[in-house]
Protein backbone atom coordinates (compact mmCIF):
# COMPACT_ATOMS: atom_id res chain seq x y z
CA MET A 1 9.44 178.79 -142.42
CA LYS A 2 8.21 175.30 -141.61
CA ALA A 3 10.02 173.22 -139.01
CA ARG A 4 12.74 171.07 -140.50
CA PRO A 5 13.17 167.42 -139.52
CA SER A 6 15.94 166.70 -137.02
CA LYS A 7 16.60 163.28 -138.53
CA ALA A 8 18.89 163.21 -141.55
CA PRO A 9 17.44 161.91 -144.83
CA GLU A 10 18.51 158.44 -145.89
CA ILE A 11 21.53 158.29 -148.20
CA PRO A 12 20.52 156.66 -151.51
CA ALA A 13 21.93 153.23 -152.32
CA HIS A 14 24.68 153.17 -154.93
CA PRO A 15 26.95 150.37 -156.21
CA LEU A 16 30.05 152.40 -155.31
CA PHE A 17 28.88 153.11 -151.74
CA GLN A 18 29.24 150.56 -148.92
CA PRO A 19 27.84 152.02 -145.68
CA GLU A 20 28.89 150.61 -142.31
CA SER A 21 27.00 152.89 -139.92
CA ASP A 22 25.61 156.37 -139.57
CA GLU A 23 24.39 158.56 -136.72
CA ILE A 24 23.30 162.11 -136.06
CA ALA A 25 26.38 163.74 -134.55
CA TRP A 26 24.57 167.03 -133.94
CA SER A 27 20.99 168.12 -134.48
CA GLY A 28 20.31 171.82 -134.94
CA ARG A 29 18.58 173.68 -137.71
CA PHE A 30 20.26 171.23 -140.08
CA PRO A 31 21.51 167.81 -138.92
CA LEU A 32 25.17 166.84 -139.02
CA GLN A 33 25.39 163.17 -139.95
CA ARG A 34 28.45 161.03 -139.16
CA VAL A 35 28.84 158.21 -141.69
CA ARG A 36 31.29 155.29 -141.62
CA PHE A 37 31.66 153.77 -145.06
CA ARG A 38 33.81 152.34 -147.79
CA TYR A 39 33.60 153.11 -151.48
CA ARG A 40 34.69 151.05 -154.47
CA ARG A 41 37.89 152.43 -155.94
CA SER A 42 38.51 152.78 -159.68
CA ASP A 43 40.43 149.46 -159.73
CA GLY A 44 37.45 147.66 -158.16
CA THR A 45 38.96 147.25 -154.69
CA PRO A 46 37.29 148.66 -151.56
CA SER A 47 38.67 151.78 -149.95
CA ALA A 48 39.78 151.97 -146.35
CA LEU A 49 37.02 152.48 -143.79
CA LEU A 50 36.27 156.21 -143.77
CA THR A 51 34.40 158.43 -141.32
CA TRP A 52 32.89 161.62 -142.71
CA GLU A 53 30.70 164.28 -141.20
CA LEU A 54 28.01 165.30 -143.66
CA TRP A 55 26.01 168.51 -143.20
CA ARG A 56 22.49 167.79 -144.48
CA ARG A 57 21.26 171.18 -145.73
CA GLY A 58 19.12 169.80 -148.55
CA GLN A 59 18.16 171.74 -151.65
CA GLY A 60 17.84 175.43 -152.42
CA VAL A 61 17.10 177.90 -155.19
CA VAL A 62 18.76 180.98 -156.69
CA MET A 63 17.21 183.60 -158.97
CA LEU A 64 18.79 186.21 -161.22
CA PRO A 65 16.07 188.82 -161.90
CA TYR A 66 16.87 190.39 -165.28
CA ASP A 67 15.18 193.19 -167.21
CA PRO A 68 15.94 192.62 -170.91
CA TRP A 69 14.48 195.99 -171.94
CA THR A 70 16.92 198.00 -169.80
CA GLY A 71 19.78 195.55 -169.14
CA ARG A 72 19.30 195.79 -165.36
CA ILE A 73 19.48 193.09 -162.71
CA ALA A 74 18.40 192.92 -159.08
CA LEU A 75 20.80 191.87 -156.31
CA VAL A 76 20.51 191.75 -152.54
CA GLU A 77 22.93 192.52 -149.73
CA GLN A 78 22.74 190.87 -146.32
CA PHE A 79 24.87 190.04 -143.30
CA ARG A 80 26.53 186.62 -143.49
CA LEU A 81 28.24 185.29 -140.35
CA PRO A 82 30.13 182.50 -142.21
CA ALA A 83 31.66 185.12 -144.51
CA LEU A 84 32.96 187.00 -141.48
CA ALA A 85 34.33 183.74 -140.02
CA ALA A 86 36.20 183.20 -143.31
CA GLY A 87 37.78 186.66 -143.07
CA GLU A 88 35.52 188.16 -145.75
CA ASP A 89 33.32 191.24 -145.60
CA PRO A 90 30.15 189.99 -143.85
CA ILE A 91 27.90 192.11 -146.10
CA MET A 92 27.64 189.92 -149.16
CA ARG A 93 26.21 191.02 -152.50
CA GLU A 94 24.15 188.11 -153.81
CA CYS A 95 21.31 186.94 -155.98
CA PRO A 96 18.07 186.27 -154.09
CA ALA A 97 18.10 182.69 -152.83
CA GLY A 98 16.70 180.35 -150.23
CA LEU A 99 16.03 176.78 -149.24
CA LEU A 100 13.18 174.54 -150.32
CA GLU A 101 10.49 173.76 -147.80
CA PRO A 102 9.81 170.01 -147.41
CA GLY A 103 8.05 168.77 -150.54
CA GLU A 104 8.24 172.13 -152.32
CA ASP A 105 8.89 172.33 -156.06
CA PRO A 106 12.03 174.35 -156.91
CA ALA A 107 10.15 176.37 -159.55
CA ASP A 108 7.64 177.47 -156.91
CA ALA A 109 10.28 178.05 -154.25
CA VAL A 110 12.38 180.36 -156.41
CA LEU A 111 9.41 182.66 -157.09
CA ARG A 112 8.54 182.70 -153.38
CA GLU A 113 12.10 183.53 -152.34
CA THR A 114 12.48 186.21 -155.03
CA GLU A 115 9.30 187.97 -153.92
CA GLU A 116 10.24 187.70 -150.23
CA GLU A 117 13.75 189.07 -150.71
CA THR A 118 13.23 191.64 -153.48
CA GLY A 119 9.52 192.36 -153.93
CA PHE A 120 9.82 191.50 -157.63
CA THR A 121 7.87 188.66 -159.27
CA PRO A 122 9.35 187.49 -162.59
CA ASP A 123 6.75 186.75 -165.27
CA ARG A 124 9.01 184.40 -167.23
CA VAL A 125 11.56 181.99 -165.79
CA GLU A 126 14.32 179.90 -167.33
CA LYS A 127 16.29 177.28 -165.43
CA ILE A 128 20.04 177.78 -165.60
CA GLY A 129 20.94 174.42 -164.06
CA GLN A 130 21.53 172.73 -160.73
CA TYR A 131 24.87 172.62 -158.97
CA MET A 132 26.40 171.53 -155.68
CA LEU A 133 28.01 174.24 -153.56
CA MET A 134 30.17 172.27 -151.11
CA GLN A 135 30.26 168.65 -152.19
CA GLY A 136 33.18 167.93 -149.87
CA GLY A 137 31.05 168.37 -146.76
CA SER A 138 27.39 169.13 -147.50
CA ASP A 139 24.57 167.69 -149.59
CA GLU A 140 23.30 171.17 -150.53
CA LEU A 141 22.10 171.19 -154.15
CA MET A 142 21.07 174.55 -155.62
CA HIS A 143 18.65 175.07 -158.50
CA PHE A 144 19.60 178.19 -160.49
CA TYR A 145 17.09 180.29 -162.45
CA ALA A 146 16.93 183.53 -164.40
CA GLY A 147 13.67 185.47 -164.40
CA ARG A 148 12.30 188.28 -166.52
CA ALA A 149 11.21 191.27 -164.45
CA ARG A 150 10.56 194.97 -164.99
CA LEU A 151 13.11 196.68 -162.76
CA PRO A 152 13.29 200.32 -161.62
CA ALA A 153 16.19 202.72 -162.10
CA PRO A 154 19.56 201.64 -160.68
CA GLY A 155 20.09 202.25 -156.98
CA LEU A 156 18.90 201.09 -153.57
CA VAL A 157 15.28 200.00 -153.93
CA GLY A 158 14.57 199.31 -150.26
CA THR A 159 14.83 196.73 -147.51
CA ARG A 160 13.05 193.39 -147.46
CA GLY A 161 13.21 190.10 -145.58
CA LEU A 162 11.14 188.05 -143.13
CA GLU A 163 11.11 189.54 -139.64
CA ASP A 164 10.31 186.22 -137.97
CA GLU A 165 13.55 184.82 -139.42
CA GLY A 166 15.61 187.88 -138.44
CA GLU A 167 16.25 188.47 -142.12
CA GLU A 168 17.13 191.83 -143.64
CA THR A 169 17.95 192.15 -147.33
CA ARG A 170 18.87 195.42 -149.01
CA VAL A 171 17.58 195.34 -152.57
CA LEU A 172 19.81 196.87 -155.24
CA VAL A 173 19.19 197.38 -158.93
CA VAL A 174 22.32 197.68 -161.07
CA THR A 175 23.03 197.35 -164.76
CA ALA A 176 24.29 193.98 -165.91
CA ASP A 177 27.42 195.70 -167.21
CA ASP A 178 28.12 197.19 -163.77
CA ALA A 179 27.57 193.83 -162.07
CA LEU A 180 29.92 192.06 -164.48
CA ALA A 181 32.54 194.75 -163.88
CA GLN A 182 32.16 194.24 -160.10
CA LEU A 183 32.64 190.52 -160.62
CA ALA A 184 35.77 191.10 -162.71
CA ARG A 185 37.19 193.35 -159.97
CA GLY A 186 36.56 190.70 -157.31
CA GLU A 187 33.86 192.72 -155.55
CA ILE A 188 31.20 190.02 -155.84
CA ARG A 189 32.56 187.23 -153.68
CA ASN A 190 29.94 184.50 -153.58
CA VAL A 191 29.66 181.63 -156.01
CA THR A 192 25.91 181.76 -156.66
CA ALA A 193 25.97 185.35 -157.92
CA ALA A 194 29.19 184.70 -159.84
CA LEU A 195 27.71 181.70 -161.64
CA CYS A 196 24.50 183.59 -162.48
CA LEU A 197 26.43 186.53 -163.88
CA MET A 198 28.74 184.32 -165.95
CA TRP A 199 25.68 182.56 -167.34
CA LEU A 200 24.08 185.92 -168.14
CA GLN A 201 27.22 187.02 -169.96
CA LEU A 202 26.92 183.94 -172.21
CA ASN A 203 23.14 184.14 -172.71
CA ARG A 204 22.34 187.85 -172.55
CA GLU A 205 22.02 188.41 -176.29
CA ARG A 206 19.63 185.48 -176.61
CA LEU A 207 17.54 186.60 -173.62
CA ASN A 208 17.30 190.13 -174.99
CA ARG A 209 16.00 188.73 -178.24
CA GLU A 210 13.62 186.09 -176.87
CA TRP A 211 12.33 187.89 -173.79
CA THR A 212 11.45 191.12 -175.60
CA ALA A 213 9.71 189.42 -178.54
CA GLU A 214 6.48 188.78 -176.61
């Protein structure tokens, strides 16, 4: 992974936003920016002077690898310290995902991350949408995709991840029906996988038709 800048990106100008000052409160892998500002309220008056800490994580990508011929999907499991801090099981079942490198196109990044984390390379990709994950405290914007891939029989496929990042991902293939049942039982506990699976539930019939016609 390329080095990330320690300075926070500039906040875009907007007619509702009246900045007073900003500073880097903490600079680690991702900068924490402290911003003092006012915003224009719905009645046109300025708000009180506010101070917010803004975690500048930038943009990322998520992929749902889907095999329309067999109805299978690929998921990954990995250790997540923030999940443990929240009182959740630290082994989270997720869709492959990652952050954009500086200047990287999301469509390129999602293929890179999918190959790194699963070993699969989708040959057809459709964008699901782009959504914020924690708009109350972070600027992280995620680009969601579904990708067509030939997937093996359900079960543990193997272990992937980049050693130089200390990453270990266990690659699982499950049927879409099984994954949706896990989601309904509350066993899939992260929002990116949940959103991808809900989207698949709405679009599966269309994907099966369009992605197998070629």
